[in-house]
Amino acid sequence: MISLRGLTHHTVTSYSTYISAYLDYLSVFLCKDPQDVSWQELRDFIRWLQKARSRS
């Protein structure tokens, strides 16, 4: 779907990297499927990502 929006290859690759990291986080740290994650857990992932990968 994101490639259909006309985004650059770099953006699609970047999004794919973060989606993969999110799915890894769910399985390793939360042991949950994506449909079972709360909004708070999603925000916790973003905070973890900011610290672990020094991202803004």
PDB file of N, CA and C in Angstrom:
ATOM      1  N   MET A   1       0.820  -1.204   0.000  1.00  0.00           N
ATOM      2  CA  MET A   1       0.000   0.000   0.000  1.00  0.00           C
ATOM      3  C   MET A   1       0.861   1.263   0.000  1.00  0.00           C
ATOM      4  N   ILE A   2       1.968   1.237   0.753  1.00  0.00           N
ATOM      5  CA  ILE A   2       2.766   2.457   0.795  1.00  0.00           C
ATOM      6  C   ILE A   2       3.473   2.727  -0.528  1.00  0.00           C
ATOM      7  N   SER A   3       3.808   1.689  -1.252  1.00  0.00           N
ATOM      8  CA  SER A   3       4.438   1.922  -2.547  1.00  0.00           C
ATOM      9  C   SER A   3       3.439   2.507  -3.545  1.00  0.00           C
ATOM     10  N   LEU A   4       2.155   2.231  -3.378  1.00  0.00           N
ATOM     11  CA  LEU A   4       1.131   2.784  -4.256  1.00  0.00           C
ATOM     12  C   LEU A   4       0.929   4.288  -4.045  1.00  0.00           C
ATOM     13  N   ARG A   5       1.367   4.794  -2.906  1.00  0.00           N
ATOM     14  CA  ARG A   5       1.222   6.220  -2.609  1.00  0.00           C
ATOM     15  C   ARG A   5       2.278   7.059  -3.305  1.00  0.00           C
ATOM     16  N   GLY A   6       3.190   6.427  -4.017  1.00  0.00           N
ATOM     17  CA  GLY A   6       4.202   7.169  -4.745  1.00  0.00           C
ATOM     18  C   GLY A   6       5.389   7.595  -3.895  1.00  0.00           C
ATOM     19  N   LEU A   7       5.595   6.928  -2.771  1.00  0.00           N
ATOM     20  CA  LEU A   7       6.726   7.262  -1.913  1.00  0.00           C
ATOM     21  C   LEU A   7       8.025   6.760  -2.541  1.00  0.00           C
ATOM     22  N   THR A   8       9.114   7.383  -2.171  1.00  0.00           N
ATOM     23  CA  THR A   8      10.404   6.984  -2.733  1.00  0.00           C
ATOM     24  C   THR A   8      10.812   5.604  -2.207  1.00  0.00           C
ATOM     25  N   HIS A   9      11.727   4.983  -2.930  1.00  0.00           N
ATOM     26  CA  HIS A   9      12.243   3.667  -2.512  1.00  0.00           C
ATOM     27  C   HIS A   9      12.856   3.760  -1.113  1.00  0.00           C
ATOM     28  N   HIS A  10      13.572   4.845  -0.851  1.00  0.00           N
ATOM     29  CA  HIS A  10      14.199   5.023   0.461  1.00  0.00           C
ATOM     30  C   HIS A  10      13.150   5.057   1.576  1.00  0.00           C
ATOM     31  N   THR A  11      12.053   5.775   1.360  1.00  0.00           N
ATOM     32  CA  THR A  11      10.986   5.860   2.359  1.00  0.00           C
ATOM     33  C   THR A  11      10.335   4.505   2.586  1.00  0.00           C
ATOM     34  N   VAL A  12      10.056   3.778   1.529  1.00  0.00           N
ATOM     35  CA  VAL A  12       9.455   2.443   1.643  1.00  0.00           C
ATOM     36  C   VAL A  12      10.396   1.522   2.417  1.00  0.00           C
ATOM     37  N   THR A  13      11.682   1.577   2.125  1.00  0.00           N
ATOM     38  CA  THR A  13      12.662   0.757   2.833  1.00  0.00           C
ATOM     39  C   THR A  13      12.702   1.128   4.315  1.00  0.00           C
ATOM     40  N   SER A  14      12.690   2.405   4.603  1.00  0.00           N
ATOM     41  CA  SER A  14      12.707   2.877   5.984  1.00  0.00           C
ATOM     42  C   SER A  14      11.465   2.403   6.738  1.00  0.00           C
ATOM     43  N   TYR A  15      10.306   2.571   6.149  1.00  0.00           N
ATOM     44  CA  TYR A  15       9.066   2.106   6.773  1.00  0.00           C
ATOM     45  C   TYR A  15       9.124   0.600   7.022  1.00  0.00           C
ATOM     46  N   SER A  16       9.603  -0.143   6.050  1.00  0.00           N
ATOM     47  CA  SER A  16       9.690  -1.599   6.188  1.00  0.00           C
ATOM     48  C   SER A  16      10.612  -1.997   7.334  1.00  0.00           C
ATOM     49  N   THR A  17      11.701  -1.265   7.489  1.00  0.00           N
ATOM     50  CA  THR A  17      12.643  -1.538   8.579  1.00  0.00           C
ATOM     51  C   THR A  17      11.968  -1.346   9.929  1.00  0.00           C
ATOM     52  N   TYR A  18      11.218  -0.253  10.077  1.00  0.00           N
ATOM     53  CA  TYR A  18      10.558   0.019  11.351  1.00  0.00           C
ATOM     54  C   TYR A  18       9.381  -0.923  11.611  1.00  0.00           C
ATOM     55  N   ILE A  19       8.696  -1.330  10.594  1.00  0.00           N
ATOM     56  CA  ILE A  19       7.613  -2.308  10.772  1.00  0.00           C
ATOM     57  C   ILE A  19       8.201  -3.633  11.240  1.00  0.00           C
ATOM     58  N   SER A  20       9.299  -4.037  10.648  1.00  0.00           N
ATOM     59  CA  SER A  20       9.969  -5.269  11.058  1.00  0.00           C
ATOM     60  C   SER A  20      10.445  -5.171  12.507  1.00  0.00           C
ATOM     61  N   ALA A  21      11.022  -4.027  12.876  1.00  0.00           N
ATOM     62  CA  ALA A  21      11.471  -3.824  14.262  1.00  0.00           C
ATOM     63  C   ALA A  21      10.288  -3.894  15.221  1.00  0.00           C
ATOM     64  N   TYR A  22       9.160  -3.324  14.831  1.00  0.00           N
ATOM     65  CA  TYR A  22       7.955  -3.355  15.666  1.00  0.00           C
ATOM     66  C   TYR A  22       7.473  -4.787  15.867  1.00  0.00           C
ATOM     67  N   LEU A  23       7.427  -5.558  14.807  1.00  0.00           N
ATOM     68  CA  LEU A  23       6.982  -6.947  14.924  1.00  0.00           C
ATOM     69  C   LEU A  23       7.943  -7.762  15.786  1.00  0.00           C
ATOM     70  N   ASP A  24       9.245  -7.507  15.665  1.00  0.00           N
ATOM     71  CA  ASP A  24      10.221  -8.171  16.537  1.00  0.00           C
ATOM     72  C   ASP A  24      10.000  -7.788  17.992  1.00  0.00           C
ATOM     73  N   TYR A  25       9.770  -6.517  18.239  1.00  0.00           N
ATOM     74  CA  TYR A  25       9.503  -6.018  19.597  1.00  0.00           C
ATOM     75  C   TYR A  25       8.281  -6.721  20.188  1.00  0.00           C
ATOM     76  N   LEU A  26       7.242  -6.847  19.395  1.00  0.00           N
ATOM     77  CA  LEU A  26       6.024  -7.506  19.884  1.00  0.00           C
ATOM     78  C   LEU A  26       6.288  -8.952  20.277  1.00  0.00           C
ATOM     79  N   SER A  27       7.024  -9.659  19.452  1.00  0.00           N
ATOM     80  CA  SER A  27       7.246 -11.079  19.731  1.00  0.00           C
ATOM     81  C   SER A  27       8.254 -11.297  20.855  1.00  0.00           C
ATOM     82  N   VAL A  28       9.295 -10.469  20.925  1.00  0.00           N
ATOM     83  CA  VAL A  28      10.355 -10.683  21.920  1.00  0.00           C
ATOM     84  C   VAL A  28       9.990 -10.097  23.283  1.00  0.00           C
ATOM     85  N   PHE A  29       9.514  -8.853  23.300  1.00  0.00           N
ATOM     86  CA  PHE A  29       9.274  -8.178  24.571  1.00  0.00           C
ATOM     87  C   PHE A  29       7.852  -8.343  25.099  1.00  0.00           C
ATOM     88  N   LEU A  30       6.877  -8.342  24.227  1.00  0.00           N
ATOM     89  CA  LEU A  30       5.484  -8.401  24.680  1.00  0.00           C
ATOM     90  C   LEU A  30       4.847  -9.772  24.505  1.00  0.00           C
ATOM     91  N   CYS A  31       5.431 -10.578  23.629  1.00  0.00           N
ATOM     92  CA  CYS A  31       4.848 -11.896  23.312  1.00  0.00           C
ATOM     93  C   CYS A  31       3.383 -11.748  22.913  1.00  0.00           C
ATOM     94  N   LYS A  32       3.119 -10.816  22.014  1.00  0.00           N
ATOM     95  CA  LYS A  32       1.749 -10.538  21.565  1.00  0.00           C
ATOM     96  C   LYS A  32       1.696 -10.474  20.053  1.00  0.00           C
ATOM     97  N   ASP A  33       0.502 -10.729  19.536  1.00  0.00           N
ATOM     98  CA  ASP A  33       0.220 -10.511  18.126  1.00  0.00           C
ATOM     99  C   ASP A  33      -0.174  -9.040  17.949  1.00  0.00           C
ATOM    100  N   PRO A  34       0.051  -8.484  16.761  1.00  0.00           N
ATOM    101  CA  PRO A  34      -0.264  -7.058  16.547  1.00  0.00           C
ATOM    102  C   PRO A  34      -1.700  -6.675  16.899  1.00  0.00           C
ATOM    103  N   GLN A  35      -2.658  -7.528  16.620  1.00  0.00           N
ATOM    104  CA  GLN A  35      -4.058  -7.184  16.900  1.00  0.00           C
ATOM    105  C   GLN A  35      -4.372  -7.128  18.393  1.00  0.00           C
ATOM    106  N   ASP A  36      -3.460  -7.628  19.244  1.00  0.00           N
ATOM    107  CA  ASP A  36      -3.696  -7.646  20.691  1.00  0.00           C
ATOM    108  C   ASP A  36      -2.971  -6.519  21.431  1.00  0.00           C
ATOM    109  N   VAL A  37      -2.333  -5.623  20.709  1.00  0.00           N
ATOM    110  CA  VAL A  37      -1.531  -4.565  21.316  1.00  0.00           C
ATOM    111  C   VAL A  37      -2.394  -3.330  21.563  1.00  0.00           C
ATOM    112  N   SER A  38      -2.210  -2.731  22.741  1.00  0.00           N
ATOM    113  CA  SER A  38      -2.952  -1.507  23.076  1.00  0.00           C
ATOM    114  C   SER A  38      -2.214  -0.286  22.527  1.00  0.00           C
ATOM    115  N   TRP A  39      -2.917   0.843  22.514  1.00  0.00           N
ATOM    116  CA  TRP A  39      -2.289   2.099  22.086  1.00  0.00           C
ATOM    117  C   TRP A  39      -1.125   2.446  23.008  1.00  0.00           C
ATOM    118  N   GLN A  40      -1.281   2.185  24.300  1.00  0.00           N
ATOM    119  CA  GLN A  40      -0.198   2.483  25.245  1.00  0.00           C
ATOM    120  C   GLN A  40       1.033   1.637  24.934  1.00  0.00           C
ATOM    121  N   GLU A  41       0.845   0.380  24.583  1.00  0.00           N
ATOM    122  CA  GLU A  41       1.975  -0.476  24.228  1.00  0.00           C
ATOM    123  C   GLU A  41       2.644  -0.009  22.939  1.00  0.00           C
ATOM    124  N   LEU A  42       1.851   0.508  22.019  1.00  0.00           N
ATOM    125  CA  LEU A  42       2.419   1.073  20.794  1.00  0.00           C
ATOM    126  C   LEU A  42       3.264   2.301  21.123  1.00  0.00           C
ATOM    127  N   ARG A  43       2.762   3.167  22.002  1.00  0.00           N
ATOM    128  CA  ARG A  43       3.538   4.338  22.420  1.00  0.00           C
ATOM    129  C   ARG A  43       4.806   3.921  23.158  1.00  0.00           C
ATOM    130  N   ASP A  44       4.721   2.861  23.956  1.00  0.00           N
ATOM    131  CA  ASP A  44       5.909   2.344  24.651  1.00  0.00           C
ATOM    132  C   ASP A  44       6.960   1.870  23.656  1.00  0.00           C
ATOM    133  N   PHE A  45       6.522   1.252  22.567  1.00  0.00           N
ATOM    134  CA  PHE A  45       7.463   0.830  21.526  1.00  0.00           C
ATOM    135  C   PHE A  45       8.172   2.033  20.929  1.00  0.00           C
ATOM    136  N   ILE A  46       7.441   3.083  20.649  1.00  0.00           N
ATOM    137  CA  ILE A  46       8.042   4.279  20.054  1.00  0.00           C
ATOM    138  C   ILE A  46       9.074   4.871  21.010  1.00  0.00           C
ATOM    139  N   ARG A  47       8.752   4.909  22.289  1.00  0.00           N
ATOM    140  CA  ARG A  47       9.730   5.404  23.273  1.00  0.00           C
ATOM    141  C   ARG A  47      10.952   4.495  23.333  1.00  0.00           C
ATOM    142  N   TRP A  48      10.737   3.183  23.304  1.00  0.00           N
ATOM    143  CA  TRP A  48      11.846   2.234  23.310  1.00  0.00           C
ATOM    144  C   TRP A  48      12.724   2.442  22.080  1.00  0.00           C
ATOM    145  N   LEU A  49      12.086   2.616  20.934  1.00  0.00           N
ATOM    146  CA  LEU A  49      12.817   2.830  19.689  1.00  0.00           C
ATOM    147  C   LEU A  49      13.650   4.110  19.750  1.00  0.00           C
ATOM    148  N   GLN A  50      13.071   5.153  20.307  1.00  0.00           N
ATOM    149  CA  GLN A  50      13.798   6.417  20.430  1.00  0.00           C
ATOM    150  C   GLN A  50      15.057   6.243  21.280  1.00  0.00           C
ATOM    151  N   LYS A  51      14.956   5.473  22.352  1.00  0.00           N
ATOM    152  CA  LYS A  51      16.112   5.266  23.228  1.00  0.00           C
ATOM    153  C   LYS A  51      17.096   4.252  22.641  1.00  0.00           C
ATOM    154  N   ALA A  52      16.586   3.131  22.185  1.00  0.00           N
ATOM    155  CA  ALA A  52      17.448   2.047  21.717  1.00  0.00           C
ATOM    156  C   ALA A  52      18.197   2.402  20.441  1.00  0.00           C
ATOM    157  N   ARG A  53      17.585   3.177  19.588  1.00  0.00           N
ATOM    158  CA  ARG A  53      18.194   3.506  18.297  1.00  0.00           C
ATOM    159  C   ARG A  53      18.503   4.974  18.135  1.00  0.00           C
ATOM    160  N   SER A  54      18.385   5.697  19.227  1.00  0.00           N
ATOM    161  CA  SER A  54      18.678   7.142  19.219  1.00  0.00           C
ATOM    162  C   SER A  54      17.937   7.858  18.091  1.00  0.00           C
ATOM    163  N   ARG A  55      16.631   7.611  18.025  1.00  0.00           N
ATOM    164  CA  ARG A  55      15.793   8.229  16.995  1.00  0.00           C
ATOM    165  C   ARG A  55      14.905   9.283  17.624  1.00  0.00           C
ATOM    166  N   SER A  56      14.561  10.280  16.839  1.00  0.00           N
ATOM    167  CA  SER A  56      13.641  11.315  17.334  1.00  0.00           C
ATOM    168  C   SER A  56      12.224  11.004  16.886  1.00  0.00           C
TER     169      SER A  56
END
